[in-house]
Amino acid sequence: MISPFSQVVLLAGAVLASGVGVVYTHHANRQLFIEIQKRQAERDQLEIEWELLQLEQSTLVTDIAVEKAARTRLNMRIPNPGEVLYITPYEPSKK
């Protein structure tokens, strides 16, 4: 049989170990919660970037489609450098 003093020491050790376990578990949970928040913020940022890339892609596709339609249906082409005229805006003379 174990003496009463040994029982108290054993129970105190068990309570201490249990308390350390609770503190460790709480700390680990807090660290995981912080990691989850970081990952969620990263996910949100990536979703914003994805939406911007989709918008950019749709704009590029639209530009390509317009250029293709201009070339095929309207027989348009990019002018040669000698065919381009540069004009300046009209500015009335100041008196």
PDB file of N, CA and C in Angstrom:
ATOM      1  N   MET A   1       0.842  -1.174   0.000  1.00  0.00           N
ATOM      2  CA  MET A   1       0.000   0.000   0.000  1.00  0.00           C
ATOM      3  C   MET A   1       0.890   1.240   0.000  1.00  0.00           C
ATOM      4  N   ILE A   2       0.403   2.299  -0.666  1.00  0.00           N
ATOM      5  CA  ILE A   2       1.153   3.547  -0.764  1.00  0.00           C
ATOM      6  C   ILE A   2       0.783   4.423   0.432  1.00  0.00           C
ATOM      7  N   SER A   3       1.780   5.074   0.980  1.00  0.00           N
ATOM      8  CA  SER A   3       1.537   5.947   2.139  1.00  0.00           C
ATOM      9  C   SER A   3       0.736   7.169   1.700  1.00  0.00           C
ATOM     10  N   PRO A   4       0.007   7.782   2.627  1.00  0.00           N
ATOM     11  CA  PRO A   4      -0.786   8.960   2.295  1.00  0.00           C
ATOM     12  C   PRO A   4       0.062  10.099   1.728  1.00  0.00           C
ATOM     13  N   PHE A   5       1.274  10.272   2.241  1.00  0.00           N
ATOM     14  CA  PHE A   5       2.145  11.322   1.722  1.00  0.00           C
ATOM     15  C   PHE A   5       2.500  11.051   0.268  1.00  0.00           C
ATOM     16  N   SER A   6       2.787   9.799  -0.058  1.00  0.00           N
ATOM     17  CA  SER A   6       3.112   9.427  -1.440  1.00  0.00           C
ATOM     18  C   SER A   6       1.914   9.650  -2.352  1.00  0.00           C
ATOM     19  N   GLN A   7       0.725   9.354  -1.833  1.00  0.00           N
ATOM     20  CA  GLN A   7      -0.488   9.576  -2.625  1.00  0.00           C
ATOM     21  C   GLN A   7      -0.660  11.070  -2.942  1.00  0.00           C
ATOM     22  N   VAL A   8      -0.415  11.914  -1.944  1.00  0.00           N
ATOM     23  CA  VAL A   8      -0.544  13.358  -2.139  1.00  0.00           C
ATOM     24  C   VAL A   8       0.490  13.840  -3.152  1.00  0.00           C
ATOM     25  N   VAL A   9       1.729  13.354  -3.028  1.00  0.00           N
ATOM     26  CA  VAL A   9       2.774  13.748  -3.967  1.00  0.00           C
ATOM     27  C   VAL A   9       2.418  13.275  -5.371  1.00  0.00           C
ATOM     28  N   LEU A  10       1.927  12.046  -5.486  1.00  0.00           N
ATOM     29  CA  LEU A  10       1.534  11.495  -6.785  1.00  0.00           C
ATOM     30  C   LEU A  10       0.388  12.303  -7.395  1.00  0.00           C
ATOM     31  N   LEU A  11      -0.623  12.607  -6.581  1.00  0.00           N
ATOM     32  CA  LEU A  11      -1.751  13.403  -7.076  1.00  0.00           C
ATOM     33  C   LEU A  11      -1.309  14.823  -7.439  1.00  0.00           C
ATOM     34  N   ALA A  12      -0.430  15.413  -6.645  1.00  0.00           N
ATOM     35  CA  ALA A  12       0.070  16.750  -6.959  1.00  0.00           C
ATOM     36  C   ALA A  12       0.842  16.727  -8.274  1.00  0.00           C
ATOM     37  N   GLY A  13       1.632  15.684  -8.485  1.00  0.00           N
ATOM     38  CA  GLY A  13       2.352  15.547  -9.757  1.00  0.00           C
ATOM     39  C   GLY A  13       1.392  15.389 -10.921  1.00  0.00           C
ATOM     40  N   ALA A  14       0.323  14.612 -10.714  1.00  0.00           N
ATOM     41  CA  ALA A  14      -0.669  14.422 -11.775  1.00  0.00           C
ATOM     42  C   ALA A  14      -1.388  15.733 -12.087  1.00  0.00           C
ATOM     43  N   VAL A  15      -1.732  16.495 -11.047  1.00  0.00           N
ATOM     44  CA  VAL A  15      -2.391  17.784 -11.244  1.00  0.00           C
ATOM     45  C   VAL A  15      -1.451  18.748 -11.962  1.00  0.00           C
ATOM     46  N   LEU A  16      -0.182  18.757 -11.570  1.00  0.00           N
ATOM     47  CA  LEU A  16       0.799  19.615 -12.220  1.00  0.00           C
ATOM     48  C   LEU A  16       0.961  19.239 -13.692  1.00  0.00           C
ATOM     49  N   ALA A  17       1.075  17.940 -13.962  1.00  0.00           N
ATOM     50  CA  ALA A  17       1.209  17.482 -15.351  1.00  0.00           C
ATOM     51  C   ALA A  17      -0.036  17.837 -16.152  1.00  0.00           C
ATOM     52  N   SER A  18      -1.205  17.683 -15.531  1.00  0.00           N
ATOM     53  CA  SER A  18      -2.451  18.033 -16.210  1.00  0.00           C
ATOM     54  C   SER A  18      -2.491  19.530 -16.514  1.00  0.00           C
ATOM     55  N   GLY A  19      -2.057  20.355 -15.557  1.00  0.00           N
ATOM     56  CA  GLY A  19      -2.031  21.804 -15.773  1.00  0.00           C
ATOM     57  C   GLY A  19      -1.081  22.190 -16.888  1.00  0.00           C
ATOM     58  N   VAL A  20       0.100  21.564 -16.918  1.00  0.00           N
ATOM     59  CA  VAL A  20       1.055  21.832 -17.994  1.00  0.00           C
ATOM     60  C   VAL A  20       0.451  21.420 -19.332  1.00  0.00           C
ATOM     61  N   GLY A  21      -0.252  20.292 -19.344  1.00  0.00           N
ATOM     62  CA  GLY A  21      -0.905  19.837 -20.576  1.00  0.00           C
ATOM     63  C   GLY A  21      -1.959  20.815 -21.054  1.00  0.00           C
ATOM     64  N   VAL A  22      -2.731  21.357 -20.123  1.00  0.00           N
ATOM     65  CA  VAL A  22      -3.769  22.331 -20.481  1.00  0.00           C
ATOM     66  C   VAL A  22      -3.131  23.600 -21.052  1.00  0.00           C
ATOM     67  N   VAL A  23      -2.079  24.085 -20.401  1.00  0.00           N
ATOM     68  CA  VAL A  23      -1.398  25.294 -20.882  1.00  0.00           C
ATOM     69  C   VAL A  23      -0.797  25.049 -22.257  1.00  0.00           C
ATOM     70  N   TYR A  24      -0.154  23.902 -22.436  1.00  0.00           N
ATOM     71  CA  TYR A  24       0.447  23.577 -23.735  1.00  0.00           C
ATOM     72  C   TYR A  24      -0.624  23.489 -24.819  1.00  0.00           C
ATOM     73  N   THR A  25      -1.732  22.828 -24.517  1.00  0.00           N
ATOM     74  CA  THR A  25      -2.816  22.690 -25.494  1.00  0.00           C
ATOM     75  C   THR A  25      -3.405  24.052 -25.849  1.00  0.00           C
ATOM     76  N   HIS A  26      -3.588  24.903 -24.834  1.00  0.00           N
ATOM     77  CA  HIS A  26      -4.124  26.241 -25.093  1.00  0.00           C
ATOM     78  C   HIS A  26      -3.159  27.041 -25.974  1.00  0.00           C
ATOM     79  N   HIS A  27      -1.879  26.951 -25.681  1.00  0.00           N
ATOM     80  CA  HIS A  27      -0.874  27.657 -26.480  1.00  0.00           C
ATOM     81  C   HIS A  27      -0.862  27.133 -27.923  1.00  0.00           C
ATOM     82  N   ALA A  28      -0.908  25.812 -28.079  1.00  0.00           N
ATOM     83  CA  ALA A  28      -0.909  25.220 -29.425  1.00  0.00           C
ATOM     84  C   ALA A  28      -2.155  25.646 -30.198  1.00  0.00           C
ATOM     85  N   ASN A  29      -3.302  25.672 -29.522  1.00  0.00           N
ATOM     86  CA  ASN A  29      -4.536  26.112 -30.182  1.00  0.00           C
ATOM     87  C   ASN A  29      -4.428  27.567 -30.621  1.00  0.00           C
ATOM     88  N   ARG A  30      -3.833  28.399 -29.788  1.00  0.00           N
ATOM     89  CA  ARG A  30      -3.676  29.816 -30.131  1.00  0.00           C
ATOM     90  C   ARG A  30      -2.757  29.978 -31.339  1.00  0.00           C
ATOM     91  N   GLN A  31      -1.675  29.221 -31.370  1.00  0.00           N
ATOM     92  CA  GLN A  31      -0.755  29.285 -32.505  1.00  0.00           C
ATOM     93  C   GLN A  31      -1.448  28.832 -33.791  1.00  0.00           C
ATOM     94  N   LEU A  32      -2.245  27.786 -33.702  1.00  0.00           N
ATOM     95  CA  LEU A  32      -2.976  27.312 -34.883  1.00  0.00           C
ATOM     96  C   LEU A  32      -4.014  28.341 -35.335  1.00  0.00           C
ATOM     97  N   PHE A  33      -4.661  28.995 -34.373  1.00  0.00           N
ATOM     98  CA  PHE A  33      -5.639  30.026 -34.717  1.00  0.00           C
ATOM     99  C   PHE A  33      -4.963  31.185 -35.453  1.00  0.00           C
ATOM    100  N   ILE A  34      -3.793  31.595 -34.975  1.00  0.00           N
ATOM    101  CA  ILE A  34      -3.037  32.659 -35.643  1.00  0.00           C
ATOM    102  C   ILE A  34      -2.662  32.225 -37.056  1.00  0.00           C
ATOM    103  N   GLU A  35      -2.239  30.979 -37.214  1.00  0.00           N
ATOM    104  CA  GLU A  35      -1.875  30.458 -38.537  1.00  0.00           C
ATOM    105  C   GLU A  35      -3.088  30.435 -39.464  1.00  0.00           C
ATOM    106  N   ILE A  36      -4.243  30.064 -38.927  1.00  0.00           N
ATOM    107  CA  ILE A  36      -5.475  30.059 -39.730  1.00  0.00           C
ATOM    108  C   ILE A  36      -5.796  31.477 -40.198  1.00  0.00           C
ATOM    109  N   GLN A  37      -5.668  32.454 -39.309  1.00  0.00           N
ATOM    110  CA  GLN A  37      -5.948  33.840 -39.694  1.00  0.00           C
ATOM    111  C   GLN A  37      -4.995  34.312 -40.787  1.00  0.00           C
ATOM    112  N   LYS A  38      -3.722  33.950 -40.684  1.00  0.00           N
ATOM    113  CA  LYS A  38      -2.761  34.327 -41.726  1.00  0.00           C
ATOM    114  C   LYS A  38      -3.141  33.697 -43.057  1.00  0.00           C
ATOM    115  N   ARG A  39      -3.488  32.418 -43.030  1.00  0.00           N
ATOM    116  CA  ARG A  39      -3.849  31.713 -44.268  1.00  0.00           C
ATOM    117  C   ARG A  39      -5.128  32.288 -44.874  1.00  0.00           C
ATOM    118  N   GLN A  40      -6.085  32.669 -44.027  1.00  0.00           N
ATOM    119  CA  GLN A  40      -7.314  33.262 -44.548  1.00  0.00           C
ATOM    120  C   GLN A  40      -7.034  34.619 -45.193  1.00  0.00           C
ATOM    121  N   ALA A  41      -6.166  35.409 -44.587  1.00  0.00           N
ATOM    122  CA  ALA A  41      -5.802  36.700 -45.179  1.00  0.00           C
ATOM    123  C   ALA A  41      -5.077  36.485 -46.503  1.00  0.00           C
ATOM    124  N   GLU A  42      -4.207  35.483 -46.547  1.00  0.00           N
ATOM    125  CA  GLU A  42      -3.498  35.165 -47.793  1.00  0.00           C
ATOM    126  C   GLU A  42      -4.481  34.702 -48.863  1.00  0.00           C
ATOM    127  N   ARG A  43      -5.451  33.873 -48.454  1.00  0.00           N
ATOM    128  CA  ARG A  43      -6.474  33.412 -49.394  1.00  0.00           C
ATOM    129  C   ARG A  43      -7.276  34.584 -49.945  1.00  0.00           C
ATOM    130  N   ASP A  44      -7.664  35.503 -49.064  1.00  0.00           N
ATOM    131  CA  ASP A  44      -8.428  36.671 -49.511  1.00  0.00           C
ATOM    132  C   ASP A  44      -7.620  37.501 -50.508  1.00  0.00           C
ATOM    133  N   GLN A  45      -6.335  37.683 -50.231  1.00  0.00           N
ATOM    134  CA  GLN A  45      -5.471  38.442 -51.140  1.00  0.00           C
ATOM    135  C   GLN A  45      -5.343  37.733 -52.482  1.00  0.00           C
ATOM    136  N   LEU A  46      -5.207  36.408 -52.446  1.00  0.00           N
ATOM    137  CA  LEU A  46      -5.099  35.648 -53.692  1.00  0.00           C
ATOM    138  C   LEU A  46      -6.403  35.693 -54.492  1.00  0.00           C
ATOM    139  N   GLU A  47      -7.538  35.708 -53.795  1.00  0.00           N
ATOM    140  CA  GLU A  47      -8.824  35.819 -54.494  1.00  0.00           C
ATOM    141  C   GLU A  47      -8.934  37.168 -55.201  1.00  0.00           C
ATOM    142  N   ILE A  48      -8.484  38.227 -54.540  1.00  0.00           N
ATOM    143  CA  ILE A  48      -8.505  39.555 -55.167  1.00  0.00           C
ATOM    144  C   ILE A  48      -7.605  39.560 -56.397  1.00  0.00           C
ATOM    145  N   GLU A  49      -6.409  38.991 -56.250  1.00  0.00           N
ATOM    146  CA  GLU A  49      -5.481  38.933 -57.384  1.00  0.00           C
ATOM    147  C   GLU A  49      -6.073  38.106 -58.522  1.00  0.00           C
ATOM    148  N   TRP A  50      -6.744  37.000 -58.194  1.00  0.00           N
ATOM    149  CA  TRP A  50      -7.366  36.146 -59.205  1.00  0.00           C
ATOM    150  C   TRP A  50      -8.449  36.918 -59.962  1.00  0.00           C
ATOM    151  N   GLU A  51      -9.268  37.667 -59.236  1.00  0.00           N
ATOM    152  CA  GLU A  51     -10.318  38.448 -59.889  1.00  0.00           C
ATOM    153  C   GLU A  51      -9.720  39.506 -60.816  1.00  0.00           C
ATOM    154  N   LEU A  52      -8.647  40.152 -60.375  1.00  0.00           N
ATOM    155  CA  LEU A  52      -7.991  41.147 -61.229  1.00  0.00           C
ATOM    156  C   LEU A  52      -7.399  40.498 -62.476  1.00  0.00           C
ATOM    157  N   LEU A  53      -6.813  39.316 -62.318  1.00  0.00           N
ATOM    158  CA  LEU A  53      -6.254  38.613 -63.478  1.00  0.00           C
ATOM    159  C   LEU A  53      -7.354  38.179 -64.446  1.00  0.00           C
ATOM    160  N   GLN A  54      -8.491  37.741 -63.906  1.00  0.00           N
ATOM    161  CA  GLN A  54      -9.605  37.371 -64.781  1.00  0.00           C
ATOM    162  C   GLN A  54     -10.114  38.594 -65.544  1.00  0.00           C
ATOM    163  N   LEU A  55     -10.204  39.727 -64.859  1.00  0.00           N
ATOM    164  CA  LEU A  55     -10.643  40.955 -65.520  1.00  0.00           C
ATOM    165  C   LEU A  55      -9.657  41.360 -66.603  1.00  0.00           C
ATOM    166  N   GLU A  56      -8.366  41.278 -66.299  1.00  0.00           N
ATOM    167  CA  GLU A  56      -7.339  41.615 -67.282  1.00  0.00           C
ATOM    168  C   GLU A  56      -7.410  40.670 -68.478  1.00  0.00           C
ATOM    169  N   GLN A  57      -7.614  39.390 -68.211  1.00  0.00           N
ATOM    170  CA  GLN A  57      -7.698  38.419 -69.305  1.00  0.00           C
ATOM    171  C   GLN A  57      -8.906  38.707 -70.186  1.00  0.00           C
ATOM    172  N   SER A  58     -10.044  39.021 -69.565  1.00  0.00           N
ATOM    173  CA  SER A  58     -11.230  39.311 -70.375  1.00  0.00           C
ATOM    174  C   SER A  58     -11.015  40.567 -71.212  1.00  0.00           C
ATOM    175  N   THR A  59     -10.299  41.539 -70.681  1.00  0.00           N
ATOM    176  CA  THR A  59      -9.987  42.750 -71.443  1.00  0.00           C
ATOM    177  C   THR A  59      -9.081  42.419 -72.616  1.00  0.00           C
ATOM    178  N   LEU A  60      -8.060  41.599 -72.373  1.00  0.00           N
ATOM    179  CA  LEU A  60      -7.147  41.221 -73.452  1.00  0.00           C
ATOM    180  C   LEU A  60      -7.864  40.415 -74.522  1.00  0.00           C
ATOM    181  N   VAL A  61      -8.709  39.510 -74.096  1.00  0.00           N
ATOM    182  CA  VAL A  61      -9.452  38.706 -75.065  1.00  0.00           C
ATOM    183  C   VAL A  61     -10.350  39.606 -75.895  1.00  0.00           C
ATOM    184  N   THR A  62     -10.968  40.583 -75.267  1.00  0.00           N
ATOM    185  CA  THR A  62     -11.834  41.508 -75.988  1.00  0.00           C
ATOM    186  C   THR A  62     -11.029  42.313 -77.003  1.00  0.00           C
ATOM    187  N   ASP A  63      -9.861  42.809 -76.616  1.00  0.00           N
ATOM    188  CA  ASP A  63      -9.018  43.564 -77.545  1.00  0.00           C
ATOM    189  C   ASP A  63      -8.609  42.710 -78.736  1.00  0.00           C
ATOM    190  N   ILE A  64      -8.247  41.476 -78.479  1.00  0.00           N
ATOM    191  CA  ILE A  64      -7.849  40.573 -79.559  1.00  0.00           C
ATOM    192  C   ILE A  64      -9.036  40.291 -80.475  1.00  0.00           C
ATOM    193  N   ALA A  65     -10.208  40.103 -79.886  1.00  0.00           N
ATOM    194  CA  ALA A  65     -11.397  39.838 -80.690  1.00  0.00           C
ATOM    195  C   ALA A  65     -11.744  41.040 -81.563  1.00  0.00           C
ATOM    196  N   VAL A  66     -11.612  42.246 -81.018  1.00  0.00           N
ATOM    197  CA  VAL A  66     -11.900  43.458 -81.799  1.00  0.00           C
ATOM    198  C   VAL A  66     -10.905  43.585 -82.944  1.00  0.00           C
ATOM    199  N   GLU A  67      -9.621  43.355 -82.655  1.00  0.00           N
ATOM    200  CA  GLU A  67      -8.610  43.454 -83.707  1.00  0.00           C
ATOM    201  C   GLU A  67      -8.863  42.416 -84.802  1.00  0.00           C
ATOM    202  N   LYS A  68      -9.221  41.213 -84.418  1.00  0.00           N
ATOM    203  CA  LYS A  68      -9.480  40.156 -85.406  1.00  0.00           C
ATOM    204  C   LYS A  68     -10.686  40.522 -86.274  1.00  0.00           C
ATOM    205  N   ALA A  69     -11.745  41.023 -85.635  1.00  0.00           N
ATOM    206  CA  ALA A  69     -12.930  41.417 -86.401  1.00  0.00           C
ATOM    207  C   ALA A  69     -12.603  42.570 -87.346  1.00  0.00           C
ATOM    208  N   ALA A  70     -11.792  43.519 -86.898  1.00  0.00           N
ATOM    209  CA  ALA A  70     -11.418  44.648 -87.759  1.00  0.00           C
ATOM    210  C   ALA A  70     -10.626  44.162 -88.964  1.00  0.00           C
ATOM    211  N   ARG A  71      -9.758  43.208 -88.764  1.00  0.00           N
ATOM    212  CA  ARG A  71      -8.947  42.694 -89.873  1.00  0.00           C
ATOM    213  C   ARG A  71      -9.785  41.857 -90.848  1.00  0.00           C
ATOM    214  N   THR A  72     -10.611  40.979 -90.326  1.00  0.00           N
ATOM    215  CA  THR A  72     -11.324  40.040 -91.203  1.00  0.00           C
ATOM    216  C   THR A  72     -12.591  40.640 -91.799  1.00  0.00           C
ATOM    217  N   ARG A  73     -13.447  41.217 -90.986  1.00  0.00           N
ATOM    218  CA  ARG A  73     -14.732  41.685 -91.498  1.00  0.00           C
ATOM    219  C   ARG A  73     -14.658  43.063 -92.149  1.00  0.00           C
ATOM    220  N   LEU A  74     -13.769  43.905 -91.664  1.00  0.00           N
ATOM    221  CA  LEU A  74     -13.699  45.270 -92.183  1.00  0.00           C
ATOM    222  C   LEU A  74     -12.472  45.515 -93.056  1.00  0.00           C
ATOM    223  N   ASN A  75     -11.656  44.493 -93.230  1.00  0.00           N
ATOM    224  CA  ASN A  75     -10.435  44.589 -94.033  1.00  0.00           C
ATOM    225  C   ASN A  75      -9.536  45.743 -93.579  1.00  0.00           C
ATOM    226  N   MET A  76      -9.467  45.961 -92.289  1.00  0.00           N
ATOM    227  CA  MET A  76      -8.606  47.020 -91.759  1.00  0.00           C
ATOM    228  C   MET A  76      -7.215  46.451 -91.495  1.00  0.00           C
ATOM    229  N   ARG A  77      -6.241  47.332 -91.445  1.00  0.00           N
ATOM    230  CA  ARG A  77      -4.869  46.925 -91.158  1.00  0.00           C
ATOM    231  C   ARG A  77      -4.171  48.050 -90.420  1.00  0.00           C
ATOM    232  N   ILE A  78      -3.032  47.738 -89.844  1.00  0.00           N
ATOM    233  CA  ILE A  78      -2.225  48.760 -89.184  1.00  0.00           C
ATOM    234  C   ILE A  78      -1.515  49.548 -90.272  1.00  0.00           C
ATOM    235  N   PRO A  79      -1.588  50.883 -90.241  1.00  0.00           N
ATOM    236  CA  PRO A  79      -0.966  51.680 -91.309  1.00  0.00           C
ATOM    237  C   PRO A  79       0.561  51.619 -91.239  1.00  0.00           C
ATOM    238  N   ASN A  80       1.170  51.790 -92.393  1.00  0.00           N
ATOM    239  CA  ASN A  80       2.629  51.889 -92.461  1.00  0.00           C
ATOM    240  C   ASN A  80       3.048  53.229 -91.862  1.00  0.00           C
ATOM    241  N   PRO A  81       4.281  53.341 -91.400  1.00  0.00           N
ATOM    242  CA  PRO A  81       4.711  54.611 -90.797  1.00  0.00           C
ATOM    243  C   PRO A  81       4.556  55.808 -91.731  1.00  0.00           C
ATOM    244  N   GLY A  82       4.724  55.637 -93.025  1.00  0.00           N
ATOM    245  CA  GLY A  82       4.571  56.744 -93.961  1.00  0.00           C
ATOM    246  C   GLY A  82       3.131  57.173 -94.144  1.00  0.00           C
ATOM    247  N   GLU A  83       2.192  56.349 -93.766  1.00  0.00           N
ATOM    248  CA  GLU A  83       0.771  56.657 -93.927  1.00  0.00           C
ATOM    249  C   GLU A  83       0.179  57.373 -92.706  1.00  0.00           C
ATOM    250  N   VAL A  84       0.950  57.524 -91.671  1.00  0.00           N
ATOM    251  CA  VAL A  84       0.453  58.134 -90.439  1.00  0.00           C
ATOM    252  C   VAL A  84       0.735  59.627 -90.458  1.00  0.00           C
ATOM    253  N   LEU A  85      -0.288  60.417 -90.209  1.00  0.00           N
ATOM    254  CA  LEU A  85      -0.154  61.875 -90.131  1.00  0.00           C
ATOM    255  C   LEU A  85      -0.379  62.302 -88.683  1.00  0.00           C
ATOM    256  N   TYR A  86       0.510  63.116 -88.188  1.00  0.00           N
ATOM    257  CA  TYR A  86       0.377  63.640 -86.834  1.00  0.00           C
ATOM    258  C   TYR A  86      -0.107  65.075 -86.925  1.00  0.00           C
ATOM    259  N   ILE A  87      -1.137  65.386 -86.189  1.00  0.00           N
ATOM    260  CA  ILE A  87      -1.667  66.746 -86.190  1.00  0.00           C
ATOM    261  C   ILE A  87      -1.647  67.282 -84.761  1.00  0.00           C
ATOM    262  N   THR A  88      -1.593  68.585 -84.664  1.00  0.00           N
ATOM    263  CA  THR A  88      -1.640  69.216 -83.349  1.00  0.00           C
ATOM    264  C   THR A  88      -3.007  69.847 -83.177  1.00  0.00           C
ATOM    265  N   PRO A  89      -3.486  69.908 -81.975  1.00  0.00           N
ATOM    266  CA  PRO A  89      -4.803  70.504 -81.761  1.00  0.00           C
ATOM    267  C   PRO A  89      -4.787  71.999 -82.075  1.00  0.00           C
ATOM    268  N   TYR A  90      -5.910  72.479 -82.511  1.00  0.00           N
ATOM    269  CA  TYR A  90      -6.049  73.898 -82.846  1.00  0.00           C
ATOM    270  C   TYR A  90      -6.085  74.709 -81.563  1.00  0.00           C
ATOM    271  N   GLU A  91      -5.277  75.741 -81.512  1.00  0.00           N
ATOM    272  CA  GLU A  91      -5.292  76.665 -80.383  1.00  0.00           C
ATOM    273  C   GLU A  91      -5.458  78.067 -80.946  1.00  0.00           C
ATOM    274  N   PRO A  92      -6.528  78.737 -80.613  1.00  0.00           N
ATOM    275  CA  PRO A  92      -6.719  80.099 -81.121  1.00  0.00           C
ATOM    276  C   PRO A  92      -5.590  81.005 -80.634  1.00  0.00           C
ATOM    277  N   SER A  93      -5.207  81.919 -81.483  1.00  0.00           N
ATOM    278  CA  SER A  93      -4.115  82.831 -81.114  1.00  0.00           C
ATOM    279  C   SER A  93      -4.585  83.775 -80.012  1.00  0.00           C
ATOM    280  N   LYS A  94      -3.671  84.060 -79.121  1.00  0.00           N
ATOM    281  CA  LYS A  94      -4.002  84.945 -78.000  1.00  0.00           C
ATOM    282  C   LYS A  94      -3.609  86.370 -78.373  1.00  0.00           C
ATOM    283  N   LYS A  95      -4.459  87.309 -78.112  1.00  0.00           N
ATOM    284  CA  LYS A  95      -4.195  88.711 -78.449  1.00  0.00           C
ATOM    285  C   LYS A  95      -3.996  89.533 -77.230  1.00  0.00           C
TER     286      LYS A  95
END
